[in-house]
């Protein structure tokens, strides 16, 4: 199960899996290349709950929206990461959940 340690100071997201855990600093990790995202999202598909995936989706969409216009390329990468997460996990963002969830928005 994924464990979230989201706060003003660290913004970390931890995924626990059978042989260990992976802790990510969301602001530093995302957006990421599709290759690295694919590896992480496959791990999440097997070890995270749907609500945790939805929270990460909301974070990615929210981050894309918060970026200034001159960061359009970075925002597009965030959107592509979110689309890949949905495709791999089969989880989509619930209506109205694009903003305001606890993942550092």
N, C-alpha and C. Protein backbone atom coordinates (compact mmCIF):
# COMPACT_ATOMS: atom_id res chain seq x y z
N UNK A 1 0.83 -1.18 0.00
CA UNK A 1 0.00 0.00 0.00
C UNK A 1 0.87 1.24 0.00
N UNK A 2 0.46 2.23 -0.70
CA UNK A 2 1.21 3.48 -0.73
C UNK A 2 0.97 4.22 0.56
N UNK A 3 1.97 4.87 1.02
CA UNK A 3 1.88 5.66 2.25
C UNK A 3 2.26 7.08 1.88
N UNK A 4 1.41 8.02 2.26
CA UNK A 4 1.65 9.40 1.88
C UNK A 4 2.18 10.19 3.07
N UNK A 5 3.25 10.89 2.88
CA UNK A 5 3.78 11.82 3.87
C UNK A 5 3.84 13.17 3.17
N UNK A 6 2.71 13.78 3.04
CA UNK A 6 2.64 15.02 2.30
C UNK A 6 2.57 16.17 3.29
N UNK A 7 3.46 17.09 3.15
CA UNK A 7 3.44 18.25 4.02
C UNK A 7 4.06 19.43 3.32
N UNK A 8 4.05 20.53 3.99
CA UNK A 8 4.63 21.74 3.42
C UNK A 8 6.13 21.58 3.21
N UNK A 9 6.77 20.74 4.01
CA UNK A 9 8.22 20.68 3.95
C UNK A 9 8.78 19.62 3.02
N UNK A 10 8.14 18.41 2.95
CA UNK A 10 8.79 17.38 2.16
C UNK A 10 8.02 16.90 0.95
N UNK A 11 6.69 16.90 0.93
CA UNK A 11 5.92 16.47 -0.23
C UNK A 11 6.32 15.11 -0.75
N UNK A 12 6.47 14.13 0.14
CA UNK A 12 6.91 12.79 -0.25
C UNK A 12 5.74 11.85 -0.46
N UNK A 13 5.91 10.89 -1.35
CA UNK A 13 4.92 9.86 -1.63
C UNK A 13 5.66 8.55 -1.59
N UNK A 14 5.24 7.63 -0.71
CA UNK A 14 5.93 6.37 -0.54
C UNK A 14 5.06 5.22 -1.02
N UNK A 15 5.64 4.34 -1.83
CA UNK A 15 4.97 3.13 -2.28
C UNK A 15 5.69 1.96 -1.63
N UNK A 16 4.95 1.18 -0.82
CA UNK A 16 5.51 -0.02 -0.20
C UNK A 16 5.18 -1.21 -1.09
N UNK A 17 6.16 -2.06 -1.31
CA UNK A 17 5.95 -3.25 -2.12
C UNK A 17 6.60 -4.41 -1.40
N UNK A 18 6.40 -5.66 -1.85
CA UNK A 18 6.83 -6.82 -1.07
C UNK A 18 8.30 -6.83 -0.64
N UNK A 19 9.20 -6.33 -1.44
CA UNK A 19 10.62 -6.42 -1.08
C UNK A 19 11.24 -5.06 -0.74
N UNK A 20 10.42 -4.07 -0.45
CA UNK A 20 10.99 -2.77 -0.08
C UNK A 20 9.99 -1.65 -0.19
N UNK A 21 10.53 -0.46 -0.38
CA UNK A 21 9.67 0.71 -0.56
C UNK A 21 10.41 1.74 -1.40
N UNK A 22 9.62 2.62 -1.97
CA UNK A 22 10.15 3.69 -2.81
C UNK A 22 9.52 4.99 -2.34
N UNK A 23 10.33 5.95 -1.95
CA UNK A 23 9.83 7.25 -1.51
C UNK A 23 10.25 8.30 -2.52
N UNK A 24 9.27 9.06 -3.00
CA UNK A 24 9.52 10.09 -4.01
C UNK A 24 9.23 11.46 -3.45
N UNK A 25 10.07 12.40 -3.78
CA UNK A 25 9.77 13.81 -3.55
C UNK A 25 9.04 14.27 -4.80
N UNK A 26 7.74 14.51 -4.68
CA UNK A 26 6.90 14.77 -5.85
C UNK A 26 7.37 15.95 -6.69
N UNK A 27 7.69 17.05 -6.05
CA UNK A 27 8.10 18.25 -6.81
C UNK A 27 9.40 18.02 -7.58
N UNK A 28 10.28 17.20 -7.04
CA UNK A 28 11.56 16.93 -7.71
C UNK A 28 11.42 15.84 -8.77
N UNK A 29 10.53 14.87 -8.56
CA UNK A 29 10.44 13.73 -9.46
C UNK A 29 9.60 14.01 -10.70
N UNK A 30 8.49 14.71 -10.53
CA UNK A 30 7.58 14.96 -11.65
C UNK A 30 7.76 16.35 -12.22
N UNK A 31 7.64 16.52 -13.54
CA UNK A 31 7.38 15.50 -14.54
C UNK A 31 8.62 14.67 -14.80
N UNK A 32 8.41 13.46 -15.23
CA UNK A 32 9.48 12.51 -15.46
C UNK A 32 9.32 11.94 -16.87
N UNK A 33 10.37 11.33 -17.38
CA UNK A 33 10.27 10.71 -18.71
C UNK A 33 9.21 9.60 -18.67
N UNK A 34 8.63 9.30 -19.81
CA UNK A 34 7.61 8.26 -19.88
C UNK A 34 8.19 6.90 -19.47
N UNK A 35 9.45 6.65 -19.76
CA UNK A 35 10.08 5.38 -19.41
C UNK A 35 10.11 5.21 -17.89
N UNK A 36 10.57 6.24 -17.18
CA UNK A 36 10.62 6.16 -15.72
C UNK A 36 9.22 6.13 -15.13
N UNK A 37 8.31 6.90 -15.71
CA UNK A 37 6.93 6.91 -15.23
C UNK A 37 6.30 5.53 -15.37
N UNK A 38 6.54 4.89 -16.50
CA UNK A 38 6.00 3.55 -16.74
C UNK A 38 6.46 2.57 -15.66
N UNK A 39 7.73 2.63 -15.27
CA UNK A 39 8.25 1.74 -14.24
C UNK A 39 7.55 1.99 -12.90
N UNK A 40 7.42 3.25 -12.52
CA UNK A 40 6.77 3.60 -11.26
C UNK A 40 5.29 3.21 -11.28
N UNK A 41 4.60 3.52 -12.35
CA UNK A 41 3.16 3.29 -12.40
C UNK A 41 2.83 1.80 -12.41
N UNK A 42 3.69 0.98 -12.98
CA UNK A 42 3.47 -0.47 -12.93
C UNK A 42 3.62 -0.96 -11.49
N UNK A 43 4.57 -0.41 -10.77
CA UNK A 43 4.74 -0.74 -9.36
C UNK A 43 3.50 -0.31 -8.56
N UNK A 44 3.00 0.87 -8.87
CA UNK A 44 1.80 1.37 -8.19
C UNK A 44 0.57 0.52 -8.51
N UNK A 45 0.46 0.06 -9.75
CA UNK A 45 -0.68 -0.77 -10.15
C UNK A 45 -0.80 -2.00 -9.25
N UNK A 46 0.34 -2.56 -8.88
CA UNK A 46 0.35 -3.78 -8.07
C UNK A 46 0.26 -3.51 -6.57
N UNK A 47 0.64 -2.31 -6.12
CA UNK A 47 0.81 -2.09 -4.68
C UNK A 47 0.09 -0.89 -4.10
N UNK A 48 -0.69 -0.18 -4.87
CA UNK A 48 -1.36 1.02 -4.37
C UNK A 48 -2.87 0.88 -4.49
N UNK A 49 -3.57 1.55 -3.61
CA UNK A 49 -5.03 1.57 -3.67
C UNK A 49 -5.50 2.59 -4.70
N UNK A 50 -6.72 2.42 -5.17
CA UNK A 50 -7.27 3.31 -6.18
C UNK A 50 -7.27 4.77 -5.71
N UNK A 51 -7.60 5.00 -4.45
CA UNK A 51 -7.65 6.38 -3.95
C UNK A 51 -6.26 7.02 -3.98
N UNK A 52 -5.23 6.24 -3.75
CA UNK A 52 -3.86 6.77 -3.80
C UNK A 52 -3.47 7.14 -5.22
N UNK A 53 -3.87 6.32 -6.17
CA UNK A 53 -3.61 6.62 -7.58
C UNK A 53 -4.36 7.89 -7.97
N UNK A 54 -5.62 8.01 -7.53
CA UNK A 54 -6.40 9.20 -7.83
C UNK A 54 -5.76 10.45 -7.25
N UNK A 55 -5.19 10.35 -6.06
CA UNK A 55 -4.52 11.50 -5.47
C UNK A 55 -3.30 11.91 -6.28
N UNK A 56 -2.55 10.93 -6.76
CA UNK A 56 -1.39 11.26 -7.59
C UNK A 56 -1.84 11.86 -8.92
N UNK A 57 -2.92 11.35 -9.48
CA UNK A 57 -3.47 11.95 -10.71
C UNK A 57 -3.86 13.40 -10.47
N UNK A 58 -4.52 13.65 -9.35
CA UNK A 58 -4.93 15.02 -9.02
C UNK A 58 -3.71 15.92 -8.85
N UNK A 59 -2.66 15.38 -8.23
CA UNK A 59 -1.42 16.16 -8.08
C UNK A 59 -0.85 16.53 -9.44
N UNK A 60 -0.76 15.55 -10.34
CA UNK A 60 -0.18 15.80 -11.67
C UNK A 60 -1.00 16.82 -12.46
N UNK A 61 -2.32 16.68 -12.44
CA UNK A 61 -3.16 17.65 -13.14
C UNK A 61 -3.05 19.03 -12.50
N UNK A 62 -3.05 19.06 -11.18
CA UNK A 62 -2.92 20.34 -10.48
C UNK A 62 -1.59 21.01 -10.73
N UNK A 63 -0.53 20.24 -10.77
CA UNK A 63 0.80 20.80 -11.05
C UNK A 63 0.84 21.39 -12.46
N UNK A 64 0.26 20.69 -13.40
CA UNK A 64 0.23 21.19 -14.79
C UNK A 64 -0.52 22.52 -14.85
N UNK A 65 -1.60 22.64 -14.10
CA UNK A 65 -2.39 23.87 -14.11
C UNK A 65 -1.69 25.02 -13.39
N UNK A 66 -0.89 24.71 -12.36
CA UNK A 66 -0.21 25.75 -11.57
C UNK A 66 1.00 26.34 -12.27
N UNK A 67 1.54 25.64 -13.25
CA UNK A 67 2.76 26.11 -13.91
C UNK A 67 2.46 27.36 -14.74
N UNK A 68 3.40 28.29 -14.78
CA UNK A 68 3.20 29.50 -15.57
C UNK A 68 3.21 29.18 -17.07
N UNK A 69 2.67 30.08 -17.88
CA UNK A 69 2.59 29.85 -19.33
C UNK A 69 3.93 29.54 -19.99
N UNK A 70 5.00 30.12 -19.48
CA UNK A 70 6.31 29.85 -20.09
C UNK A 70 6.81 28.43 -19.81
N UNK A 71 6.10 27.70 -18.95
CA UNK A 71 6.45 26.31 -18.64
C UNK A 71 5.48 25.34 -19.32
N UNK A 72 4.98 25.71 -20.47
CA UNK A 72 3.98 24.89 -21.17
C UNK A 72 4.49 23.49 -21.47
N UNK A 73 5.74 23.38 -21.79
CA UNK A 73 6.31 22.07 -22.12
C UNK A 73 6.33 21.16 -20.89
N UNK A 74 6.69 21.72 -19.74
CA UNK A 74 6.69 20.96 -18.49
C UNK A 74 5.26 20.57 -18.12
N UNK A 75 4.32 21.48 -18.29
CA UNK A 75 2.92 21.19 -17.99
C UNK A 75 2.41 20.04 -18.87
N UNK A 76 2.80 20.04 -20.13
CA UNK A 76 2.38 18.98 -21.03
C UNK A 76 2.96 17.63 -20.60
N UNK A 77 4.19 17.63 -20.11
CA UNK A 77 4.79 16.39 -19.60
C UNK A 77 4.04 15.87 -18.39
N UNK A 78 3.59 16.79 -17.51
CA UNK A 78 2.78 16.38 -16.35
C UNK A 78 1.48 15.73 -16.82
N UNK A 79 0.85 16.33 -17.83
CA UNK A 79 -0.40 15.77 -18.37
C UNK A 79 -0.15 14.39 -18.99
N UNK A 80 0.96 14.24 -19.70
CA UNK A 80 1.29 12.94 -20.29
C UNK A 80 1.56 11.90 -19.21
N UNK A 81 2.23 12.31 -18.12
CA UNK A 81 2.46 11.40 -17.00
C UNK A 81 1.12 10.96 -16.42
N UNK A 82 0.18 11.89 -16.25
CA UNK A 82 -1.14 11.57 -15.71
C UNK A 82 -1.89 10.61 -16.64
N UNK A 83 -1.82 10.85 -17.94
CA UNK A 83 -2.50 9.97 -18.90
C UNK A 83 -1.92 8.56 -18.85
N UNK A 84 -0.60 8.44 -18.74
CA UNK A 84 0.04 7.14 -18.66
C UNK A 84 -0.34 6.43 -17.36
N UNK A 85 -0.40 7.17 -16.25
CA UNK A 85 -0.80 6.59 -14.97
C UNK A 85 -2.22 6.01 -15.08
N UNK A 86 -3.12 6.74 -15.69
CA UNK A 86 -4.49 6.25 -15.88
C UNK A 86 -4.52 5.00 -16.75
N UNK A 87 -3.75 5.03 -17.82
CA UNK A 87 -3.72 3.89 -18.75
C UNK A 87 -3.18 2.63 -18.07
N UNK A 88 -2.10 2.75 -17.33
CA UNK A 88 -1.47 1.59 -16.71
C UNK A 88 -2.28 1.03 -15.55
N UNK A 89 -2.82 1.92 -14.72
CA UNK A 89 -3.54 1.47 -13.53
C UNK A 89 -5.02 1.23 -13.77
N UNK A 90 -5.56 1.80 -14.85
CA UNK A 90 -6.98 1.69 -15.10
C UNK A 90 -7.82 2.59 -14.20
N UNK A 91 -7.17 3.53 -13.53
CA UNK A 91 -7.85 4.45 -12.62
C UNK A 91 -7.92 5.82 -13.28
N UNK A 92 -9.09 6.43 -13.19
CA UNK A 92 -9.22 7.78 -13.73
C UNK A 92 -9.56 8.74 -12.61
N UNK A 93 -9.36 9.99 -12.89
CA UNK A 93 -9.63 11.04 -11.92
C UNK A 93 -11.13 11.21 -11.79
N UNK A 94 -11.62 11.17 -10.56
CA UNK A 94 -13.05 11.38 -10.33
C UNK A 94 -13.40 12.82 -10.63
N UNK A 95 -14.63 13.06 -11.05
CA UNK A 95 -15.09 14.43 -11.32
C UNK A 95 -14.91 15.29 -10.10
N UNK A 96 -14.36 16.48 -10.31
CA UNK A 96 -14.19 17.43 -9.22
C UNK A 96 -12.95 17.20 -8.38
N UNK A 97 -12.18 16.14 -8.68
CA UNK A 97 -11.01 15.83 -7.88
C UNK A 97 -9.71 16.36 -8.47
N UNK A 98 -9.76 17.13 -9.52
CA UNK A 98 -8.53 17.59 -10.17
C UNK A 98 -7.75 18.54 -9.28
N UNK A 99 -8.41 19.16 -8.31
CA UNK A 99 -7.71 20.13 -7.46
C UNK A 99 -8.11 19.90 -6.02
N UNK A 100 -7.24 20.32 -5.13
CA UNK A 100 -7.60 20.34 -3.73
C UNK A 100 -7.34 19.07 -2.94
N UNK A 101 -6.77 18.03 -3.51
CA UNK A 101 -6.45 16.86 -2.71
C UNK A 101 -5.16 17.11 -1.95
N UNK A 102 -4.82 16.18 -1.08
CA UNK A 102 -3.78 16.42 -0.10
C UNK A 102 -2.35 16.32 -0.59
N UNK A 103 -2.10 16.04 -1.85
CA UNK A 103 -0.74 15.82 -2.32
C UNK A 103 0.00 17.11 -2.66
N UNK A 104 0.05 18.01 -1.76
CA UNK A 104 0.87 19.19 -1.94
C UNK A 104 0.30 20.24 -2.86
N UNK A 105 -0.98 20.21 -3.13
CA UNK A 105 -1.60 21.24 -3.97
C UNK A 105 -1.67 22.54 -3.24
